[in-house]
Amino acid sequence: MNSIKIFLVSSNELKSEREQFEIEIYRKCKAWFEQQVFLHLEIWEDLSAFFSKTRSQNEYNEAIKNCDIFVLLVYTKLGGYSKEEFETAVGAFKQNKKPFILTYFKNCDQPEPSVTTFKNQLQQ
């Protein structure tokens, strides 16, 4: 079985979108089962903070370094943890050529400055 690890990141304001993403991923799992492909989705809610000797964010960052695909969803804000996770994914990609990084922005008329700054950094 070929397992593809996906790490999904977003702020709490996109909880319903994360849940829908999870549903779609597992629908693909069922569809691709006979082709021996399993999509393993990691979201922060599923990772236990109880076993961390340091801060929980370090555990998430390690999971990101070991994933194949990193997906960032952004709406009105980009929090410090999401930004750190994105930077972790970029650093891992520069070293190992993975994870493949996907960034999606939900349309927003008035995003916080953090989103505008992040979009400008991506364009550069």
Protein backbone atom coordinates (compact mmCIF):
# COMPACT_ATOMS: atom_id res chain seq x y z
CA MET A 1 0.00 0.00 0.00
CA ASN A 2 1.36 3.42 -0.99
CA SER A 3 0.64 5.88 1.84
CA ILE A 4 0.62 9.61 1.12
CA LYS A 5 0.77 11.81 4.22
CA ILE A 6 -1.08 15.12 4.03
CA PHE A 7 -0.84 17.79 6.73
CA LEU A 8 -3.70 20.31 6.71
CA VAL A 9 -3.31 23.71 8.41
CA SER A 10 -5.81 26.49 8.99
CA SER A 11 -7.08 28.77 11.70
CA ASN A 12 -10.12 27.81 13.76
CA GLU A 13 -12.32 30.07 11.63
CA LEU A 14 -12.04 27.47 8.83
CA LYS A 15 -13.08 24.48 10.93
CA SER A 16 -15.97 23.58 8.63
CA GLU A 17 -13.65 23.73 5.60
CA ARG A 18 -11.14 21.44 7.37
CA GLU A 19 -13.94 19.00 8.11
CA GLN A 20 -15.09 19.07 4.48
CA PHE A 21 -11.49 18.57 3.32
CA GLU A 22 -11.25 15.53 5.60
CA ILE A 23 -14.45 14.07 4.15
CA GLU A 24 -13.17 14.53 0.60
CA ILE A 25 -9.79 12.96 1.40
CA TYR A 26 -11.40 9.85 2.82
CA ARG A 27 -13.74 9.59 -0.14
CA LYS A 28 -10.60 9.49 -2.31
CA CYS A 29 -9.17 6.82 -0.02
CA LYS A 30 -12.16 4.61 -0.70
CA ALA A 31 -11.98 5.31 -4.43
CA TRP A 32 -8.23 4.60 -4.62
CA PHE A 33 -8.16 1.59 -2.29
CA GLU A 34 -7.99 -0.93 -5.12
CA GLN A 35 -5.04 0.98 -6.61
CA GLN A 36 -3.25 0.47 -3.26
CA VAL A 37 -3.16 4.21 -2.41
CA PHE A 38 -3.95 5.47 1.08
CA LEU A 39 -4.22 9.18 1.87
CA HIS A 40 -3.27 9.76 5.50
CA LEU A 41 -4.56 13.14 6.68
CA GLU A 42 -3.00 14.85 9.70
CA ILE A 43 -4.75 17.77 11.37
CA TRP A 44 -3.72 19.35 14.63
CA GLU A 45 -6.88 18.18 16.37
CA ASP A 46 -5.77 14.57 15.84
CA LEU A 47 -2.26 14.99 17.25
CA SER A 48 -2.02 14.52 20.99
CA ALA A 49 -0.28 17.22 23.00
CA PHE A 50 -0.04 14.99 26.06
CA PHE A 51 3.12 13.19 24.92
CA SER A 52 5.17 16.26 24.07
CA LYS A 53 8.28 16.86 26.19
CA THR A 54 8.41 20.40 24.80
CA ARG A 55 5.63 22.49 23.33
CA SER A 56 2.88 20.88 21.25
CA GLN A 57 3.86 22.94 18.23
CA ASN A 58 7.15 21.04 18.01
CA GLU A 59 5.19 17.81 17.54
CA TYR A 60 3.16 19.38 14.74
CA ASN A 61 6.32 20.68 13.08
CA GLU A 62 7.85 17.18 13.13
CA ALA A 63 4.72 15.77 11.50
CA ILE A 64 4.99 18.46 8.82
CA LYS A 65 8.61 17.53 8.10
CA ASN A 66 7.49 13.94 7.54
CA CYS A 67 4.50 14.61 5.31
CA ASP A 68 4.31 14.37 1.54
CA ILE A 69 1.82 17.19 1.00
CA PHE A 70 1.29 20.32 3.10
CA VAL A 71 -1.96 22.25 2.66
CA LEU A 72 -2.53 25.72 4.14
CA LEU A 73 -6.00 27.26 4.12
CA VAL A 74 -6.23 31.01 4.83
CA TYR A 75 -9.24 33.26 5.29
CA THR A 76 -9.27 36.50 7.31
CA LYS A 77 -6.08 35.94 9.30
CA LEU A 78 -2.83 34.03 9.37
CA GLY A 79 -1.88 33.17 12.93
CA GLY A 80 1.61 32.73 14.27
CA TYR A 81 1.32 28.94 14.50
CA SER A 82 0.05 28.60 10.93
CA LYS A 83 2.88 30.83 9.73
CA GLU A 84 5.41 28.74 11.66
CA GLU A 85 3.97 25.57 10.15
CA PHE A 86 4.23 27.05 6.67
CA GLU A 87 7.85 28.04 7.29
CA THR A 88 8.57 24.55 8.60
CA ALA A 89 7.13 23.06 5.40
CA VAL A 90 9.19 25.42 3.24
CA GLY A 91 12.36 24.57 5.18
CA ALA A 92 11.70 20.84 4.81
CA PHE A 93 11.04 21.28 1.09
CA LYS A 94 14.32 23.13 0.61
CA GLN A 95 16.19 20.27 2.29
CA ASN A 96 14.28 17.21 1.05
CA LYS A 97 12.17 18.34 -1.93
CA LYS A 98 9.07 17.51 0.11
CA PRO A 99 6.43 18.20 1.23
CA PHE A 100 4.70 19.55 -1.84
CA ILE A 101 3.14 22.81 -0.61
CA LEU A 102 -0.34 24.02 -1.53
CA THR A 103 -1.76 27.32 -0.29
CA TYR A 104 -5.41 28.28 -0.69
CA PHE A 105 -7.06 31.60 0.15
CA LYS A 106 -10.78 31.84 0.81
CA ASN A 107 -12.13 35.09 -0.62
CA CYS A 108 -12.31 37.82 1.99
CA ASP A 109 -13.17 41.49 1.50
CA GLN A 110 -11.18 42.70 4.50
CA PRO A 111 -8.40 40.33 5.53
CA GLU A 112 -6.17 41.18 8.46
CA PRO A 113 -2.76 42.67 7.59
CA SER A 114 -1.13 39.29 8.29
CA VAL A 115 -2.87 37.82 5.23
CA THR A 116 -1.92 40.72 2.96
CA THR A 117 1.69 40.54 4.13
CA PHE A 118 1.77 36.77 3.59
CA LYS A 119 0.34 37.08 0.07
CA ASN A 120 3.00 39.68 -0.77
CA GLN A 121 5.74 37.38 0.56
CA LEU A 122 4.43 34.51 -1.57
CA GLN A 123 4.46 36.65 -4.70
CA GLN A 124 8.09 37.58 -4.09
